[in-house]
Amino acid sequence: MEWGVSKIKCCVVNVYSSCSLGAKRIMWRDFIISNTLIGGDIWCVLGDFNAVLVAHERRGNVSDQGRSSENEIAEFRNFVNQMRIFDLLLLGRRFT
């Protein structure tokens, strides 16, 4: 979509990710490839990645506190940095 007088190219994407780390890795890779091929000045990504940037955001599954969780967090953080995505904190909601 083009936005504003300056015709900024904006890609709007809605995400609902699998809980499987393997499926997340495929989605993250596909996002990066799409970003490279499609380009765009701004990407607005909404939804649920079923991943967290910091461990204290994870709730509900005790088994997620292990090493694999640390690796997943690092991989997700790397993806977010590559895509130049900013996590906008939402306040007042139990789930975002």
PDB file of N, CA and C in Angstrom:
ATOM      1  N   MET A   1       0.851  -1.158   0.000  1.00  0.00           N
ATOM      2  CA  MET A   1       0.000   0.000   0.000  1.00  0.00           C
ATOM      3  C   MET A   1       0.899   1.223   0.000  1.00  0.00           C
ATOM      4  N   GLU A   2       0.470   2.276  -0.685  1.00  0.00           N
ATOM      5  CA  GLU A   2       1.193   3.542  -0.653  1.00  0.00           C
ATOM      6  C   GLU A   2       0.507   4.450   0.345  1.00  0.00           C
ATOM      7  N   TRP A   3       1.325   5.179   1.117  1.00  0.00           N
ATOM      8  CA  TRP A   3       0.787   5.969   2.215  1.00  0.00           C
ATOM      9  C   TRP A   3       1.276   7.405   2.128  1.00  0.00           C
ATOM     10  N   GLY A   4       0.351   8.336   2.268  1.00  0.00           N
ATOM     11  CA  GLY A   4       0.692   9.751   2.354  1.00  0.00           C
ATOM     12  C   GLY A   4       1.028  10.388   1.031  1.00  0.00           C
ATOM     13  N   VAL A   5       1.288  11.679   1.115  1.00  0.00           N
ATOM     14  CA  VAL A   5       1.612  12.477  -0.071  1.00  0.00           C
ATOM     15  C   VAL A   5       2.907  11.996  -0.705  1.00  0.00           C
ATOM     16  N   SER A   6       3.855  11.564   0.122  1.00  0.00           N
ATOM     17  CA  SER A   6       5.151  11.138  -0.400  1.00  0.00           C
ATOM     18  C   SER A   6       5.134   9.707  -0.939  1.00  0.00           C
ATOM     19  N   LYS A   7       3.958   9.047  -0.890  1.00  0.00           N
ATOM     20  CA  LYS A   7       3.787   7.703  -1.450  1.00  0.00           C
ATOM     21  C   LYS A   7       4.764   6.690  -0.846  1.00  0.00           C
ATOM     22  N   ILE A   8       4.854   6.693   0.477  1.00  0.00           N
ATOM     23  CA  ILE A   8       5.690   5.731   1.171  1.00  0.00           C
ATOM     24  C   ILE A   8       5.103   4.342   0.964  1.00  0.00           C
ATOM     25  N   LYS A   9       5.929   3.400   0.550  1.00  0.00           N
ATOM     26  CA  LYS A   9       5.474   2.029   0.344  1.00  0.00           C
ATOM     27  C   LYS A   9       5.442   1.320   1.697  1.00  0.00           C
ATOM     28  N   CYS A  10       4.244   0.879   2.091  1.00  0.00           N
ATOM     29  CA  CYS A  10       4.039   0.258   3.394  1.00  0.00           C
ATOM     30  C   CYS A  10       3.461  -1.143   3.216  1.00  0.00           C
ATOM     31  N   CYS A  11       4.121  -2.138   3.768  1.00  0.00           N
ATOM     32  CA  CYS A  11       3.626  -3.511   3.743  1.00  0.00           C
ATOM     33  C   CYS A  11       3.000  -3.812   5.099  1.00  0.00           C
ATOM     34  N   VAL A  12       1.742  -4.200   5.102  1.00  0.00           N
ATOM     35  CA  VAL A  12       1.029  -4.529   6.334  1.00  0.00           C
ATOM     36  C   VAL A  12       0.827  -6.043   6.355  1.00  0.00           C
ATOM     37  N   VAL A  13       1.288  -6.672   7.441  1.00  0.00           N
ATOM     38  CA  VAL A  13       1.249  -8.127   7.541  1.00  0.00           C
ATOM     39  C   VAL A  13       0.625  -8.521   8.870  1.00  0.00           C
ATOM     40  N   ASN A  14      -0.299  -9.474   8.826  1.00  0.00           N
ATOM     41  CA  ASN A  14      -0.886 -10.017  10.043  1.00  0.00           C
ATOM     42  C   ASN A  14      -0.297 -11.410  10.268  1.00  0.00           C
ATOM     43  N   VAL A  15       0.202 -11.668  11.482  1.00  0.00           N
ATOM     44  CA  VAL A  15       0.906 -12.910  11.796  1.00  0.00           C
ATOM     45  C   VAL A  15       0.176 -13.676  12.884  1.00  0.00           C
ATOM     46  N   TYR A  16       0.042 -14.968  12.687  1.00  0.00           N
ATOM     47  CA  TYR A  16      -0.304 -15.874  13.787  1.00  0.00           C
ATOM     48  C   TYR A  16       0.576 -17.094  13.601  1.00  0.00           C
ATOM     49  N   SER A  17       1.633 -17.152  14.403  1.00  0.00           N
ATOM     50  CA  SER A  17       2.664 -18.152  14.217  1.00  0.00           C
ATOM     51  C   SER A  17       2.341 -19.461  14.918  1.00  0.00           C
ATOM     52  N   SER A  18       2.883 -20.517  14.382  1.00  0.00           N
ATOM     53  CA  SER A  18       2.842 -21.825  15.019  1.00  0.00           C
ATOM     54  C   SER A  18       3.641 -21.781  16.319  1.00  0.00           C
ATOM     55  N   CYS A  19       3.375 -22.709  17.213  1.00  0.00           N
ATOM     56  CA  CYS A  19       4.169 -22.830  18.439  1.00  0.00           C
ATOM     57  C   CYS A  19       5.437 -23.641  18.196  1.00  0.00           C
ATOM     58  N   SER A  20       5.515 -24.332  17.083  1.00  0.00           N
ATOM     59  CA  SER A  20       6.674 -25.156  16.742  1.00  0.00           C
ATOM     60  C   SER A  20       7.856 -24.268  16.358  1.00  0.00           C
ATOM     61  N   LEU A  21       9.012 -24.491  17.007  1.00  0.00           N
ATOM     62  CA  LEU A  21      10.193 -23.690  16.700  1.00  0.00           C
ATOM     63  C   LEU A  21      10.619 -23.881  15.253  1.00  0.00           C
ATOM     64  N   GLY A  22      10.522 -25.098  14.742  1.00  0.00           N
ATOM     65  CA  GLY A  22      10.884 -25.342  13.342  1.00  0.00           C
ATOM     66  C   GLY A  22      10.020 -24.529  12.388  1.00  0.00           C
ATOM     67  N   ALA A  23       8.716 -24.495  12.653  1.00  0.00           N
ATOM     68  CA  ALA A  23       7.811 -23.710  11.807  1.00  0.00           C
ATOM     69  C   ALA A  23       8.092 -22.218  11.943  1.00  0.00           C
ATOM     70  N   LYS A  24       8.436 -21.772  13.152  1.00  0.00           N
ATOM     71  CA  LYS A  24       8.775 -20.349  13.347  1.00  0.00           C
ATOM     72  C   LYS A  24      10.004 -19.986  12.535  1.00  0.00           C
ATOM     73  N   ARG A  25      11.013 -20.846  12.566  1.00  0.00           N
ATOM     74  CA  ARG A  25      12.244 -20.570  11.808  1.00  0.00           C
ATOM     75  C   ARG A  25      11.948 -20.415  10.319  1.00  0.00           C
ATOM     76  N   ILE A  26      11.079 -21.276   9.796  1.00  0.00           N
ATOM     77  CA  ILE A  26      10.702 -21.180   8.379  1.00  0.00           C
ATOM     78  C   ILE A  26       9.988 -19.857   8.121  1.00  0.00           C
ATOM     79  N   MET A  27       9.059 -19.472   9.009  1.00  0.00           N
ATOM     80  CA  MET A  27       8.334 -18.213   8.835  1.00  0.00           C
ATOM     81  C   MET A  27       9.295 -17.023   8.894  1.00  0.00           C
ATOM     82  N   TRP A  28      10.218 -17.030   9.873  1.00  0.00           N
ATOM     83  CA  TRP A  28      11.178 -15.930   9.994  1.00  0.00           C
ATOM     84  C   TRP A  28      12.020 -15.816   8.727  1.00  0.00           C
ATOM     85  N   ARG A  29      12.481 -16.960   8.218  1.00  0.00           N
ATOM     86  CA  ARG A  29      13.278 -16.949   6.990  1.00  0.00           C
ATOM     87  C   ARG A  29      12.465 -16.397   5.830  1.00  0.00           C
ATOM     88  N   ASP A  30      11.206 -16.837   5.712  1.00  0.00           N
ATOM     89  CA  ASP A  30      10.341 -16.370   4.618  1.00  0.00           C
ATOM     90  C   ASP A  30      10.068 -14.870   4.723  1.00  0.00           C
ATOM     91  N   PHE A  31       9.924 -14.360   5.947  1.00  0.00           N
ATOM     92  CA  PHE A  31       9.753 -12.913   6.141  1.00  0.00           C
ATOM     93  C   PHE A  31      10.962 -12.160   5.611  1.00  0.00           C
ATOM     94  N   ILE A  32      12.149 -12.615   5.968  1.00  0.00           N
ATOM     95  CA  ILE A  32      13.378 -11.936   5.559  1.00  0.00           C
ATOM     96  C   ILE A  32      13.514 -11.969   4.040  1.00  0.00           C
ATOM     97  N   ILE A  33      13.214 -13.107   3.425  1.00  0.00           N
ATOM     98  CA  ILE A  33      13.265 -13.219   1.963  1.00  0.00           C
ATOM     99  C   ILE A  33      12.243 -12.280   1.333  1.00  0.00           C
ATOM    100  N   SER A  34      11.025 -12.261   1.863  1.00  0.00           N
ATOM    101  CA  SER A  34       9.975 -11.376   1.332  1.00  0.00           C
ATOM    102  C   SER A  34      10.372  -9.918   1.462  1.00  0.00           C
ATOM    103  N   ASN A  35      10.956  -9.560   2.589  1.00  0.00           N
ATOM    104  CA  ASN A  35      11.390  -8.184   2.802  1.00  0.00           C
ATOM    105  C   ASN A  35      12.438  -7.794   1.771  1.00  0.00           C
ATOM    106  N   THR A  36      13.320  -8.717   1.459  1.00  0.00           N
ATOM    107  CA  THR A  36      14.361  -8.450   0.462  1.00  0.00           C
ATOM    108  C   THR A  36      13.766  -8.311  -0.934  1.00  0.00           C
ATOM    109  N   LEU A  37      12.835  -9.204  -1.275  1.00  0.00           N
ATOM    110  CA  LEU A  37      12.247  -9.201  -2.621  1.00  0.00           C
ATOM    111  C   LEU A  37      11.235  -8.080  -2.824  1.00  0.00           C
ATOM    112  N   ILE A  38      10.366  -7.873  -1.833  1.00  0.00           N
ATOM    113  CA  ILE A  38       9.295  -6.879  -1.952  1.00  0.00           C
ATOM    114  C   ILE A  38       9.798  -5.484  -1.617  1.00  0.00           C
ATOM    115  N   GLY A  39      10.671  -5.417  -0.635  1.00  0.00           N
ATOM    116  CA  GLY A  39      11.167  -4.121  -0.184  1.00  0.00           C
ATOM    117  C   GLY A  39      10.103  -3.383   0.598  1.00  0.00           C
ATOM    118  N   GLY A  40      10.025  -2.122   0.362  1.00  0.00           N
ATOM    119  CA  GLY A  40       9.064  -1.296   1.088  1.00  0.00           C
ATOM    120  C   GLY A  40       9.785  -0.405   2.080  1.00  0.00           C
ATOM    121  N   ASP A  41       9.245   0.768   2.268  1.00  0.00           N
ATOM    122  CA  ASP A  41       9.840   1.712   3.203  1.00  0.00           C
ATOM    123  C   ASP A  41       9.525   1.333   4.647  1.00  0.00           C
ATOM    124  N   ILE A  42       8.314   0.831   4.859  1.00  0.00           N
ATOM    125  CA  ILE A  42       7.843   0.505   6.207  1.00  0.00           C
ATOM    126  C   ILE A  42       7.137  -0.843   6.161  1.00  0.00           C
ATOM    127  N   TRP A  43       7.384  -1.673   7.162  1.00  0.00           N
ATOM    128  CA  TRP A  43       6.626  -2.902   7.349  1.00  0.00           C
ATOM    129  C   TRP A  43       5.899  -2.779   8.668  1.00  0.00           C
ATOM    130  N   CYS A  44       4.596  -2.943   8.646  1.00  0.00           N
ATOM    131  CA  CYS A  44       3.782  -2.933   9.854  1.00  0.00           C
ATOM    132  C   CYS A  44       3.338  -4.376  10.087  1.00  0.00           C
ATOM    133  N   VAL A  45       3.882  -4.982  11.144  1.00  0.00           N
ATOM    134  CA  VAL A  45       3.622  -6.393  11.418  1.00  0.00           C
ATOM    135  C   VAL A  45       2.791  -6.490  12.684  1.00  0.00           C
ATOM    136  N   LEU A  46       1.608  -7.088  12.551  1.00  0.00           N
ATOM    137  CA  LEU A  46       0.671  -7.212  13.660  1.00  0.00           C
ATOM    138  C   LEU A  46       0.415  -8.681  13.933  1.00  0.00           C
ATOM    139  N   GLY A  47       0.020  -8.991  15.150  1.00  0.00           N
ATOM    140  CA  GLY A  47      -0.409 -10.349  15.437  1.00  0.00           C
ATOM    141  C   GLY A  47       0.397 -11.002  16.531  1.00  0.00           C
ATOM    142  N   ASP A  48       0.587 -12.306  16.398  1.00  0.00           N
ATOM    143  CA  ASP A  48       1.205 -13.105  17.441  1.00  0.00           C
ATOM    144  C   ASP A  48       2.292 -13.986  16.841  1.00  0.00           C
ATOM    145  N   PHE A  49       3.533 -13.699  17.189  1.00  0.00           N
ATOM    146  CA  PHE A  49       4.662 -14.494  16.728  1.00  0.00           C
ATOM    147  C   PHE A  49       4.855 -15.749  17.578  1.00  0.00           C
ATOM    148  N   ASN A  50       4.125 -15.874  18.702  1.00  0.00           N
ATOM    149  CA  ASN A  50       4.325 -16.969  19.644  1.00  0.00           C
ATOM    150  C   ASN A  50       5.793 -17.102  20.010  1.00  0.00           C
ATOM    151  N   ALA A  51       6.428 -15.951  20.197  1.00  0.00           N
ATOM    152  CA  ALA A  51       7.834 -15.873  20.595  1.00  0.00           C
ATOM    153  C   ALA A  51       7.993 -14.599  21.417  1.00  0.00           C
ATOM    154  N   VAL A  52       9.028 -14.580  22.238  1.00  0.00           N
ATOM    155  CA  VAL A  52       9.270 -13.411  23.083  1.00  0.00           C
ATOM    156  C   VAL A  52      10.695 -12.907  22.883  1.00  0.00           C
ATOM    157  N   LEU A  53      10.892 -11.628  23.191  1.00  0.00           N
ATOM    158  CA  LEU A  53      12.219 -11.027  23.088  1.00  0.00           C
ATOM    159  C   LEU A  53      13.000 -11.130  24.384  1.00  0.00           C
ATOM    160  N   VAL A  54      12.305 -11.258  25.503  1.00  0.00           N
ATOM    161  CA  VAL A  54      12.953 -11.421  26.812  1.00  0.00           C
ATOM    162  C   VAL A  54      12.203 -12.508  27.595  1.00  0.00           C
ATOM    163  N   ALA A  55      12.938 -13.280  28.387  1.00  0.00           N
ATOM    164  CA  ALA A  55      12.382 -14.466  29.050  1.00  0.00           C
ATOM    165  C   ALA A  55      11.204 -14.146  29.967  1.00  0.00           C
ATOM    166  N   HIS A  56      11.216 -13.000  30.647  1.00  0.00           N
ATOM    167  CA  HIS A  56      10.140 -12.725  31.605  1.00  0.00           C
ATOM    168  C   HIS A  56       8.786 -12.477  30.926  1.00  0.00           C
ATOM    169  N   GLU A  57       8.768 -12.298  29.602  1.00  0.00           N
ATOM    170  CA  GLU A  57       7.497 -12.146  28.884  1.00  0.00           C
ATOM    171  C   GLU A  57       6.780 -13.488  28.706  1.00  0.00           C
ATOM    172  N   ARG A  58       7.507 -14.577  28.819  1.00  0.00           N
ATOM    173  CA  ARG A  58       6.931 -15.911  28.613  1.00  0.00           C
ATOM    174  C   ARG A  58       6.187 -16.348  29.858  1.00  0.00           C
ATOM    175  N   ARG A  59       4.964 -16.812  29.668  1.00  0.00           N
ATOM    176  CA  ARG A  59       4.148 -17.257  30.790  1.00  0.00           C
ATOM    177  C   ARG A  59       3.458 -18.563  30.434  1.00  0.00           C
ATOM    178  N   GLY A  60       3.183 -19.373  31.464  1.00  0.00           N
ATOM    179  CA  GLY A  60       2.281 -20.498  31.283  1.00  0.00           C
ATOM    180  C   GLY A  60       2.909 -21.846  31.048  1.00  0.00           C
ATOM    181  N   ASN A  61       4.124 -21.928  30.505  1.00  0.00           N
ATOM    182  CA  ASN A  61       4.712 -23.224  30.211  1.00  0.00           C
ATOM    183  C   ASN A  61       6.067 -23.316  30.889  1.00  0.00           C
ATOM    184  N   VAL A  62       6.137 -24.054  31.978  1.00  0.00           N
ATOM    185  CA  VAL A  62       7.361 -24.152  32.774  1.00  0.00           C
ATOM    186  C   VAL A  62       8.501 -24.742  31.968  1.00  0.00           C
ATOM    187  N   SER A  63       8.209 -25.666  31.066  1.00  0.00           N
ATOM    188  CA  SER A  63       9.271 -26.301  30.282  1.00  0.00           C
ATOM    189  C   SER A  63       9.967 -25.313  29.350  1.00  0.00           C
ATOM    190  N   ASP A  64       9.359 -24.160  29.092  1.00  0.00           N
ATOM    191  CA  ASP A  64       9.967 -23.159  28.216  1.00  0.00           C
ATOM    192  C   ASP A  64      11.093 -22.394  28.890  1.00  0.00           C
ATOM    193  N   GLN A  65      11.367 -22.672  30.157  1.00  0.00           N
ATOM    194  CA  GLN A  65      12.393 -21.914  30.866  1.00  0.00           C
ATOM    195  C   GLN A  65      13.800 -22.456  30.611  1.00  0.00           C
ATOM    196  N   GLY A  66      13.945 -23.526  29.837  1.00  0.00           N
ATOM    197  CA  GLY A  66      15.237 -24.162  29.614  1.00  0.00           C
ATOM    198  C   GLY A  66      16.068 -23.503  28.539  1.00  0.00           C
ATOM    199  N   ARG A  67      17.135 -24.186  28.159  1.00  0.00           N
ATOM    200  CA  ARG A  67      18.098 -23.689  27.177  1.00  0.00           C
ATOM    201  C   ARG A  67      17.448 -23.401  25.827  1.00  0.00           C
ATOM    202  N   SER A  68      16.537 -24.270  25.386  1.00  0.00           N
ATOM    203  CA  SER A  68      15.912 -24.049  24.077  1.00  0.00           C
ATOM    204  C   SER A  68      15.187 -22.711  24.045  1.00  0.00           C
ATOM    205  N   SER A  69      14.631 -22.308  25.171  1.00  0.00           N
ATOM    206  CA  SER A  69      13.960 -21.015  25.238  1.00  0.00           C
ATOM    207  C   SER A  69      14.961 -19.881  25.013  1.00  0.00           C
ATOM    208  N   GLU A  70      16.138 -20.002  25.620  1.00  0.00           N
ATOM    209  CA  GLU A  70      17.181 -18.980  25.427  1.00  0.00           C
ATOM    210  C   GLU A  70      17.596 -18.906  23.963  1.00  0.00           C
ATOM    211  N   ASN A  71      17.736 -20.069  23.323  1.00  0.00           N
ATOM    212  CA  ASN A  71      18.103 -20.093  21.900  1.00  0.00           C
ATOM    213  C   ASN A  71      16.999 -19.480  21.042  1.00  0.00           C
ATOM    214  N   GLU A  72      15.752 -19.821  21.350  1.00  0.00           N
ATOM    215  CA  GLU A  72      14.635 -19.275  20.587  1.00  0.00           C
ATOM    216  C   GLU A  72      14.566 -17.764  20.740  1.00  0.00           C
ATOM    217  N   ILE A  73      14.764 -17.280  21.958  1.00  0.00           N
ATOM    218  CA  ILE A  73      14.743 -15.831  22.198  1.00  0.00           C
ATOM    219  C   ILE A  73      15.832 -15.149  21.381  1.00  0.00           C
ATOM    220  N   ALA A  74      17.029 -15.727  21.380  1.00  0.00           N
ATOM    221  CA  ALA A  74      18.139 -15.144  20.620  1.00  0.00           C
ATOM    222  C   ALA A  74      17.834 -15.144  19.119  1.00  0.00           C
ATOM    223  N   GLU A  75      17.276 -16.247  18.616  1.00  0.00           N
ATOM    224  CA  GLU A  75      16.935 -16.325  17.192  1.00  0.00           C
ATOM    225  C   GLU A  75      15.835 -15.333  16.830  1.00  0.00           C
ATOM    226  N   PHE A  76      14.823 -15.208  17.690  1.00  0.00           N
ATOM    227  CA  PHE A  76      13.736 -14.267  17.432  1.00  0.00           C
ATOM    228  C   PHE A  76      14.260 -12.832  17.468  1.00  0.00           C
ATOM    229  N   ARG A  77      15.114 -12.520  18.445  1.00  0.00           N
ATOM    230  CA  ARG A  77      15.700 -11.183  18.536  1.00  0.00           C
ATOM    231  C   ARG A  77      16.513 -10.864  17.279  1.00  0.00           C
ATOM    232  N   ASN A  78      17.252 -11.849  16.767  1.00  0.00           N
ATOM    233  CA  ASN A  78      18.018 -11.657  15.541  1.00  0.00           C
ATOM    234  C   ASN A  78      17.085 -11.367  14.363  1.00  0.00           C
ATOM    235  N   PHE A  79      15.981 -12.115  14.273  1.00  0.00           N
ATOM    236  CA  PHE A  79      14.987 -11.886  13.220  1.00  0.00           C
ATOM    237  C   PHE A  79      14.416 -10.471  13.309  1.00  0.00           C
ATOM    238  N   VAL A  80      14.014 -10.067  14.509  1.00  0.00           N
ATOM    239  CA  VAL A  80      13.444  -8.726  14.718  1.00  0.00           C
ATOM    240  C   VAL A  80      14.441  -7.654  14.294  1.00  0.00           C
ATOM    241  N   ASN A  81      15.715  -7.837  14.649  1.00  0.00           N
ATOM    242  CA  ASN A  81      16.750  -6.871  14.264  1.00  0.00           C
ATOM    243  C   ASN A  81      16.960  -6.838  12.755  1.00  0.00           C
ATOM    244  N   GLN A  82      16.983  -8.010  12.118  1.00  0.00           N
ATOM    245  CA  GLN A  82      17.159  -8.061  10.658  1.00  0.00           C
ATOM    246  C   GLN A  82      16.017  -7.366   9.930  1.00  0.00           C
ATOM    247  N   MET A  83      14.807  -7.538  10.449  1.00  0.00           N
ATOM    248  CA  MET A  83      13.629  -6.950   9.816  1.00  0.00           C
ATOM    249  C   MET A  83      13.439  -5.481  10.211  1.00  0.00           C
ATOM    250  N   ARG A  84      14.235  -5.006  11.165  1.00  0.00           N
ATOM    251  CA  ARG A  84      14.114  -3.637  11.683  1.00  0.00           C
ATOM    252  C   ARG A  84      12.702  -3.396  12.231  1.00  0.00           C
ATOM    253  N   ILE A  85      12.207  -4.393  12.981  1.00  0.00           N
ATOM    254  CA  ILE A  85      10.885  -4.314  13.605  1.00  0.00           C
ATOM    255  C   ILE A  85      11.055  -3.727  15.003  1.00  0.00           C
ATOM    256  N   PHE A  86      10.165  -2.835  15.373  1.00  0.00           N
ATOM    257  CA  PHE A  86      10.156  -2.267  16.720  1.00  0.00           C
ATOM    258  C   PHE A  86       8.979  -2.839  17.479  1.00  0.00           C
ATOM    259  N   ASP A  87       9.249  -3.339  18.669  1.00  0.00           N
ATOM    260  CA  ASP A  87       8.202  -3.907  19.509  1.00  0.00           C
ATOM    261  C   ASP A  87       7.525  -2.768  20.251  1.00  0.00           C
ATOM    262  N   LEU A  88       6.289  -2.470  19.869  1.00  0.00           N
ATOM    263  CA  LEU A  88       5.536  -1.425  20.545  1.00  0.00           C
ATOM    264  C   LEU A  88       4.831  -2.040  21.742  1.00  0.00           C
ATOM    265  N   LEU A  89       5.197  -1.609  22.916  1.00  0.00           N
ATOM    266  CA  LEU A  89       4.634  -2.174  24.128  1.00  0.00           C
ATOM    267  C   LEU A  89       3.192  -1.727  24.299  1.00  0.00           C
ATOM    268  N   LEU A  90       2.346  -2.689  24.581  1.00  0.00           N
ATOM    269  CA  LEU A  90       0.939  -2.390  24.826  1.00  0.00           C
ATOM    270  C   LEU A  90       0.683  -2.529  26.307  1.00  0.00           C
ATOM    271  N   LEU A  91      -0.055  -1.607  26.849  1.00  0.00           N
ATOM    272  CA  LEU A  91      -0.318  -1.601  28.292  1.00  0.00           C
ATOM    273  C   LEU A  91      -1.784  -1.897  28.559  1.00  0.00           C
ATOM    274  N   GLY A  92      -2.029  -2.556  29.699  1.00  0.00           N
ATOM    275  CA  GLY A  92      -3.398  -2.752  30.140  1.00  0.00           C
ATOM    276  C   GLY A  92      -4.091  -3.981  29.588  1.00  0.00           C
ATOM    277  N   ARG A  93      -3.395  -4.825  28.857  1.00  0.00           N
ATOM    278  CA  ARG A  93      -3.999  -6.036  28.309  1.00  0.00           C
ATOM    279  C   ARG A  93      -3.263  -7.243  28.845  1.00  0.00           C
ATOM    280  N   ARG A  94      -4.019  -8.316  29.087  1.00  0.00           N
ATOM    281  CA  ARG A  94      -3.415  -9.534  29.584  1.00  0.00           C
ATOM    282  C   ARG A  94      -2.595 -10.222  28.491  1.00  0.00           C
ATOM    283  N   PHE A  95      -3.123 -10.250  27.287  1.00  0.00           N
ATOM    284  CA  PHE A  95      -2.422 -10.833  26.145  1.00  0.00           C
ATOM    285  C   PHE A  95      -2.381  -9.784  25.046  1.00  0.00           C
ATOM    286  N   THR A  96      -1.315  -9.810  24.239  1.00  0.00           N
ATOM    287  CA  THR A  96      -1.210  -8.852  23.132  1.00  0.00           C
ATOM    288  C   THR A  96      -1.045  -9.596  21.822  1.00  0.00           C
TER     289      THR A  96
END
